[in-house]
């Protein structure tokens, strides 16, 4: 999104393009990098999402109650 990394995965490249289009709708936009070891839950969720097919959604109702 910041242009610092090239997206090798086509799904990630498509998501990055969507983010770049959407961020134009905001007056300001900020991204903060959080190291994996400080954000293990998000890292685990990202790893699960990698295996989803395009358009597939998976919800865990227990997590939604937090």
PDB file of N, CA and C in Angstrom:
ATOM      1  N   UNK A   1       0.830  -1.187   0.000  1.00  0.00           N
ATOM      2  CA  UNK A   1       0.000   0.000   0.000  1.00  0.00           C
ATOM      3  C   UNK A   1       0.876   1.252   0.000  1.00  0.00           C
ATOM      4  N   UNK A   2       1.983   1.198   0.711  1.00  0.00           N
ATOM      5  CA  UNK A   2       2.910   2.341   0.738  1.00  0.00           C
ATOM      6  C   UNK A   2       3.865   2.334  -0.444  1.00  0.00           C
ATOM      7  N   UNK A   3       3.847   1.267  -1.224  1.00  0.00           N
ATOM      8  CA  UNK A   3       4.756   1.168  -2.357  1.00  0.00           C
ATOM      9  C   UNK A   3       6.142   0.667  -1.985  1.00  0.00           C
ATOM     10  N   UNK A   4       6.304   0.172  -0.765  1.00  0.00           N
ATOM     11  CA  UNK A   4       7.610  -0.304  -0.312  1.00  0.00           C
ATOM     12  C   UNK A   4       7.886  -1.738  -0.732  1.00  0.00           C
ATOM     13  N   UNK A   5       6.834  -2.530  -0.956  1.00  0.00           N
ATOM     14  CA  UNK A   5       6.989  -3.935  -1.276  1.00  0.00           C
ATOM     15  C   UNK A   5       6.227  -4.262  -2.556  1.00  0.00           C
ATOM     16  N   UNK A   6       6.747  -5.201  -3.309  1.00  0.00           N
ATOM     17  CA  UNK A   6       6.054  -5.688  -4.493  1.00  0.00           C
ATOM     18  C   UNK A   6       5.230  -6.908  -4.081  1.00  0.00           C
ATOM     19  N   UNK A   7       3.993  -6.977  -4.523  1.00  0.00           N
ATOM     20  CA  UNK A   7       3.135  -8.108  -4.192  1.00  0.00           C
ATOM     21  C   UNK A   7       3.350  -9.214  -5.221  1.00  0.00           C
ATOM     22  N   UNK A   8       3.858 -10.351  -4.766  1.00  0.00           N
ATOM     23  CA  UNK A   8       4.088 -11.492  -5.654  1.00  0.00           C
ATOM     24  C   UNK A   8       2.824 -12.329  -5.809  1.00  0.00           C
ATOM     25  N   UNK A   9       2.021 -12.396  -4.756  1.00  0.00           N
ATOM     26  CA  UNK A   9       0.786 -13.172  -4.774  1.00  0.00           C
ATOM     27  C   UNK A   9      -0.302 -12.342  -5.460  1.00  0.00           C
ATOM     28  N   UNK A  10      -0.971 -12.928  -6.452  1.00  0.00           N
ATOM     29  CA  UNK A  10      -1.966 -12.177  -7.215  1.00  0.00           C
ATOM     30  C   UNK A  10      -3.127 -11.698  -6.341  1.00  0.00           C
ATOM     31  N   UNK A  11      -3.576 -12.526  -5.399  1.00  0.00           N
ATOM     32  CA  UNK A  11      -4.657 -12.106  -4.509  1.00  0.00           C
ATOM     33  C   UNK A  11      -4.237 -10.903  -3.673  1.00  0.00           C
ATOM     34  N   UNK A  12      -3.010 -10.918  -3.174  1.00  0.00           N
ATOM     35  CA  UNK A  12      -2.528  -9.790  -2.383  1.00  0.00           C
ATOM     36  C   UNK A  12      -2.400  -8.534  -3.252  1.00  0.00           C
ATOM     37  N   UNK A  13      -1.969  -8.710  -4.485  1.00  0.00           N
ATOM     38  CA  UNK A  13      -1.842  -7.570  -5.399  1.00  0.00           C
ATOM     39  C   UNK A  13      -3.214  -6.957  -5.674  1.00  0.00           C
ATOM     40  N   UNK A  14      -4.236  -7.797  -5.839  1.00  0.00           N
ATOM     41  CA  UNK A  14      -5.598  -7.308  -6.075  1.00  0.00           C
ATOM     42  C   UNK A  14      -6.124  -6.567  -4.844  1.00  0.00           C
ATOM     43  N   UNK A  15      -5.861  -7.117  -3.653  1.00  0.00           N
ATOM     44  CA  UNK A  15      -6.290  -6.459  -2.423  1.00  0.00           C
ATOM     45  C   UNK A  15      -5.578  -5.123  -2.233  1.00  0.00           C
ATOM     46  N   UNK A  16      -4.316  -5.087  -2.555  1.00  0.00           N
ATOM     47  CA  UNK A  16      -3.540  -3.847  -2.435  1.00  0.00           C
ATOM     48  C   UNK A  16      -4.093  -2.785  -3.393  1.00  0.00           C
ATOM     49  N   UNK A  17      -4.455  -3.187  -4.595  1.00  0.00           N
ATOM     50  CA  UNK A  17      -5.037  -2.248  -5.559  1.00  0.00           C
ATOM     51  C   UNK A  17      -6.365  -1.706  -5.037  1.00  0.00           C
ATOM     52  N   UNK A  18      -7.175  -2.565  -4.423  1.00  0.00           N
ATOM     53  CA  UNK A  18      -8.442  -2.114  -3.847  1.00  0.00           C
ATOM     54  C   UNK A  18      -8.200  -1.105  -2.722  1.00  0.00           C
ATOM     55  N   UNK A  19      -7.232  -1.392  -1.872  1.00  0.00           N
ATOM     56  CA  UNK A  19      -6.912  -0.485  -0.776  1.00  0.00           C
ATOM     57  C   UNK A  19      -6.463   0.865  -1.333  1.00  0.00           C
ATOM     58  N   UNK A  20      -5.645   0.845  -2.353  1.00  0.00           N
ATOM     59  CA  UNK A  20      -5.165   2.099  -2.930  1.00  0.00           C
ATOM     60  C   UNK A  20      -6.308   2.912  -3.524  1.00  0.00           C
ATOM     61  N   UNK A  21      -7.314   2.244  -4.099  1.00  0.00           N
ATOM     62  CA  UNK A  21      -8.484   2.955  -4.616  1.00  0.00           C
ATOM     63  C   UNK A  21      -9.313   3.527  -3.467  1.00  0.00           C
ATOM     64  N   UNK A  22      -9.525   2.725  -2.426  1.00  0.00           N
ATOM     65  CA  UNK A  22     -10.348   3.153  -1.302  1.00  0.00           C
ATOM     66  C   UNK A  22      -9.709   4.283  -0.503  1.00  0.00           C
ATOM     67  N   UNK A  23      -8.390   4.244  -0.340  1.00  0.00           N
ATOM     68  CA  UNK A  23      -7.740   5.260   0.491  1.00  0.00           C
ATOM     69  C   UNK A  23      -7.851   6.652  -0.120  1.00  0.00           C
ATOM     70  N   UNK A  24      -8.123   6.737  -1.405  1.00  0.00           N
ATOM     71  CA  UNK A  24      -8.316   8.035  -2.052  1.00  0.00           C
ATOM     72  C   UNK A  24      -9.580   8.728  -1.541  1.00  0.00           C
ATOM     73  N   UNK A  25     -10.480   7.991  -0.892  1.00  0.00           N
ATOM     74  CA  UNK A  25     -11.724   8.551  -0.373  1.00  0.00           C
ATOM     75  C   UNK A  25     -11.566   9.194   1.004  1.00  0.00           C
ATOM     76  N   UNK A  26     -10.388   9.108   1.589  1.00  0.00           N
ATOM     77  CA  UNK A  26     -10.158   9.626   2.924  1.00  0.00           C
ATOM     78  C   UNK A  26      -9.279  10.875   2.879  1.00  0.00           C
ATOM     79  N   UNK A  27      -9.499  11.771   3.825  1.00  0.00           N
ATOM     80  CA  UNK A  27      -8.675  12.972   3.909  1.00  0.00           C
ATOM     81  C   UNK A  27      -7.268  12.649   4.371  1.00  0.00           C
ATOM     82  N   UNK A  28      -7.153  11.639   5.239  1.00  0.00           N
ATOM     83  CA  UNK A  28      -5.834  11.204   5.698  1.00  0.00           C
ATOM     84  C   UNK A  28      -5.837   9.685   5.786  1.00  0.00           C
ATOM     85  N   UNK A  29      -4.658   9.120   5.740  1.00  0.00           N
ATOM     86  CA  UNK A  29      -4.504   7.676   5.731  1.00  0.00           C
ATOM     87  C   UNK A  29      -3.164   7.352   6.361  1.00  0.00           C
ATOM     88  N   UNK A  30      -3.161   6.446   7.341  1.00  0.00           N
ATOM     89  CA  UNK A  30      -1.912   6.103   8.033  1.00  0.00           C
ATOM     90  C   UNK A  30      -1.841   4.597   8.224  1.00  0.00           C
ATOM     91  N   UNK A  31      -0.674   4.048   8.012  1.00  0.00           N
ATOM     92  CA  UNK A  31      -0.425   2.630   8.236  1.00  0.00           C
ATOM     93  C   UNK A  31       0.678   2.507   9.280  1.00  0.00           C
ATOM     94  N   UNK A  32       0.438   1.677  10.273  1.00  0.00           N
ATOM     95  CA  UNK A  32       1.447   1.410  11.298  1.00  0.00           C
ATOM     96  C   UNK A  32       1.826  -0.055  11.234  1.00  0.00           C
ATOM     97  N   UNK A  33       3.106  -0.326  11.106  1.00  0.00           N
ATOM     98  CA  UNK A  33       3.593  -1.710  11.061  1.00  0.00           C
ATOM     99  C   UNK A  33       3.666  -2.271  12.475  1.00  0.00           C
ATOM    100  N   UNK A  34       3.077  -3.448  12.656  1.00  0.00           N
ATOM    101  CA  UNK A  34       3.145  -4.142  13.941  1.00  0.00           C
ATOM    102  C   UNK A  34       3.884  -5.452  13.700  1.00  0.00           C
ATOM    103  N   UNK A  35       4.940  -5.676  14.444  1.00  0.00           N
ATOM    104  CA  UNK A  35       5.729  -6.890  14.286  1.00  0.00           C
ATOM    105  C   UNK A  35       4.890  -8.125  14.595  1.00  0.00           C
ATOM    106  N   UNK A  36       5.120  -9.209  13.881  1.00  0.00           N
ATOM    107  CA  UNK A  36       4.360 -10.447  14.075  1.00  0.00           C
ATOM    108  C   UNK A  36       4.373 -10.925  15.517  1.00  0.00           C
ATOM    109  N   UNK A  37       5.511 -10.841  16.149  1.00  0.00           N
ATOM    110  CA  UNK A  37       5.592 -11.346  17.523  1.00  0.00           C
ATOM    111  C   UNK A  37       4.765 -10.507  18.496  1.00  0.00           C
ATOM    112  N   UNK A  38       4.351  -9.319  18.090  1.00  0.00           N
ATOM    113  CA  UNK A  38       3.494  -8.481  18.929  1.00  0.00           C
ATOM    114  C   UNK A  38       2.039  -8.529  18.481  1.00  0.00           C
ATOM    115  N   UNK A  39       1.742  -9.321  17.456  1.00  0.00           N
ATOM    116  CA  UNK A  39       0.386  -9.390  16.930  1.00  0.00           C
ATOM    117  C   UNK A  39       0.093 -10.809  16.454  1.00  0.00           C
ATOM    118  N   UNK A  40       0.246 -11.779  17.352  1.00  0.00           N
ATOM    119  CA  UNK A  40       0.122 -13.182  16.977  1.00  0.00           C
ATOM    120  C   UNK A  40      -1.276 -13.557  16.508  1.00  0.00           C
ATOM    121  N   UNK A  41      -2.327 -12.940  17.063  1.00  0.00           N
ATOM    122  CA  UNK A  41      -3.696 -13.266  16.653  1.00  0.00           C
ATOM    123  C   UNK A  41      -3.943 -12.857  15.197  1.00  0.00           C
ATOM    124  N   UNK A  42      -3.526 -11.653  14.828  1.00  0.00           N
ATOM    125  CA  UNK A  42      -3.695 -11.201  13.444  1.00  0.00           C
ATOM    126  C   UNK A  42      -2.871 -12.057  12.492  1.00  0.00           C
ATOM    127  N   UNK A  43      -1.686 -12.443  12.904  1.00  0.00           N
ATOM    128  CA  UNK A  43      -0.836 -13.298  12.076  1.00  0.00           C
ATOM    129  C   UNK A  43      -1.503 -14.653  11.865  1.00  0.00           C
ATOM    130  N   UNK A  44      -2.093 -15.210  12.910  1.00  0.00           N
ATOM    131  CA  UNK A  44      -2.787 -16.494  12.799  1.00  0.00           C
ATOM    132  C   UNK A  44      -3.988 -16.370  11.867  1.00  0.00           C
ATOM    133  N   UNK A  45      -4.742 -15.283  11.979  1.00  0.00           N
ATOM    134  CA  UNK A  45      -5.899 -15.072  11.108  1.00  0.00           C
ATOM    135  C   UNK A  45      -5.457 -14.898   9.650  1.00  0.00           C
ATOM    136  N   UNK A  46      -4.371 -14.189   9.430  1.00  0.00           N
ATOM    137  CA  UNK A  46      -3.859 -14.002   8.073  1.00  0.00           C
ATOM    138  C   UNK A  46      -3.437 -15.337   7.471  1.00  0.00           C
ATOM    139  N   UNK A  47      -2.810 -16.172   8.264  1.00  0.00           N
ATOM    140  CA  UNK A  47      -2.402 -17.485   7.770  1.00  0.00           C
ATOM    141  C   UNK A  47      -3.604 -18.346   7.415  1.00  0.00           C
ATOM    142  N   UNK A  48      -4.687 -18.254   8.191  1.00  0.00           N
ATOM    143  CA  UNK A  48      -5.912 -18.985   7.853  1.00  0.00           C
ATOM    144  C   UNK A  48      -6.529 -18.441   6.565  1.00  0.00           C
ATOM    145  N   UNK A  49      -6.512 -17.135   6.394  1.00  0.00           N
ATOM    146  CA  UNK A  49      -7.118 -16.508   5.224  1.00  0.00           C
ATOM    147  C   UNK A  49      -6.400 -16.858   3.931  1.00  0.00           C
ATOM    148  N   UNK A  50      -5.122 -17.143   4.008  1.00  0.00           N
ATOM    149  CA  UNK A  50      -4.350 -17.495   2.813  1.00  0.00           C
ATOM    150  C   UNK A  50      -4.949 -18.711   2.110  1.00  0.00           C
ATOM    151  N   UNK A  51      -5.541 -19.610   2.882  1.00  0.00           N
ATOM    152  CA  UNK A  51      -6.086 -20.842   2.319  1.00  0.00           C
ATOM    153  C   UNK A  51      -7.520 -20.717   1.814  1.00  0.00           C
ATOM    154  N   UNK A  52      -8.147 -19.557   1.971  1.00  0.00           N
ATOM    155  CA  UNK A  52      -9.507 -19.361   1.476  1.00  0.00           C
ATOM    156  C   UNK A  52      -9.494 -19.123  -0.029  1.00  0.00           C
ATOM    157  N   UNK A  53     -10.522 -19.649  -0.698  1.00  0.00           N
ATOM    158  CA  UNK A  53     -10.682 -19.379  -2.123  1.00  0.00           C
ATOM    159  C   UNK A  53     -11.192 -17.960  -2.300  1.00  0.00           C
ATOM    160  N   UNK A  54     -11.017 -17.394  -3.486  1.00  0.00           N
ATOM    161  CA  UNK A  54     -11.480 -16.036  -3.762  1.00  0.00           C
ATOM    162  C   UNK A  54     -12.972 -15.938  -3.472  1.00  0.00           C
ATOM    163  N   UNK A  55     -13.348 -14.970  -2.666  1.00  0.00           N
ATOM    164  CA  UNK A  55     -14.740 -14.764  -2.313  1.00  0.00           C
ATOM    165  C   UNK A  55     -15.230 -15.597  -1.141  1.00  0.00           C
ATOM    166  N   UNK A  56     -14.443 -16.573  -0.695  1.00  0.00           N
ATOM    167  CA  UNK A  56     -14.847 -17.433   0.418  1.00  0.00           C
ATOM    168  C   UNK A  56     -14.682 -16.673   1.731  1.00  0.00           C
ATOM    169  N   UNK A  57     -15.665 -16.826   2.610  1.00  0.00           N
ATOM    170  CA  UNK A  57     -15.641 -16.174   3.917  1.00  0.00           C
ATOM    171  C   UNK A  57     -15.810 -17.246   4.974  1.00  0.00           C
ATOM    172  N   UNK A  58     -15.039 -17.137   6.040  1.00  0.00           N
ATOM    173  CA  UNK A  58     -15.167 -18.061   7.152  1.00  0.00           C
ATOM    174  C   UNK A  58     -15.237 -17.241   8.431  1.00  0.00           C
ATOM    175  N   UNK A  59     -16.279 -17.503   9.229  1.00  0.00           N
ATOM    176  CA  UNK A  59     -16.451 -16.773  10.470  1.00  0.00           C
ATOM    177  C   UNK A  59     -16.420 -17.730  11.653  1.00  0.00           C
ATOM    178  N   UNK A  60     -15.832 -17.269  12.720  1.00  0.00           N
ATOM    179  CA  UNK A  60     -15.823 -18.016  13.978  1.00  0.00           C
ATOM    180  C   UNK A  60     -16.664 -17.222  14.959  1.00  0.00           C
ATOM    181  N   UNK A  61     -17.864 -17.700  15.228  1.00  0.00           N
ATOM    182  CA  UNK A  61     -18.811 -16.951  16.068  1.00  0.00           C
ATOM    183  C   UNK A  61     -18.244 -16.679  17.448  1.00  0.00           C
ATOM    184  N   UNK A  62     -17.434 -17.566  17.975  1.00  0.00           N
ATOM    185  CA  UNK A  62     -16.855 -17.350  19.300  1.00  0.00           C
ATOM    186  C   UNK A  62     -15.981 -16.110  19.307  1.00  0.00           C
ATOM    187  N   UNK A  63     -15.186 -15.897  18.242  1.00  0.00           N
ATOM    188  CA  UNK A  63     -14.320 -14.726  18.165  1.00  0.00           C
ATOM    189  C   UNK A  63     -15.129 -13.452  18.044  1.00  0.00           C
ATOM    190  N   UNK A  64     -16.327 -13.493  17.455  1.00  0.00           N
ATOM    191  CA  UNK A  64     -17.136 -12.304  17.262  1.00  0.00           C
ATOM    192  C   UNK A  64     -17.697 -11.768  18.581  1.00  0.00           C
ATOM    193  N   UNK A  65     -17.721 -12.593  19.614  1.00  0.00           N
ATOM    194  CA  UNK A  65     -18.264 -12.168  20.909  1.00  0.00           C
ATOM    195  C   UNK A  65     -17.242 -11.400  21.736  1.00  0.00           C
ATOM    196  N   UNK A  66     -16.007 -11.341  21.318  1.00  0.00           N
ATOM    197  CA  UNK A  66     -14.965 -10.670  22.107  1.00  0.00           C
ATOM    198  C   UNK A  66     -15.125  -9.178  22.075  1.00  0.00           C
TER     199      UNK A  66
END
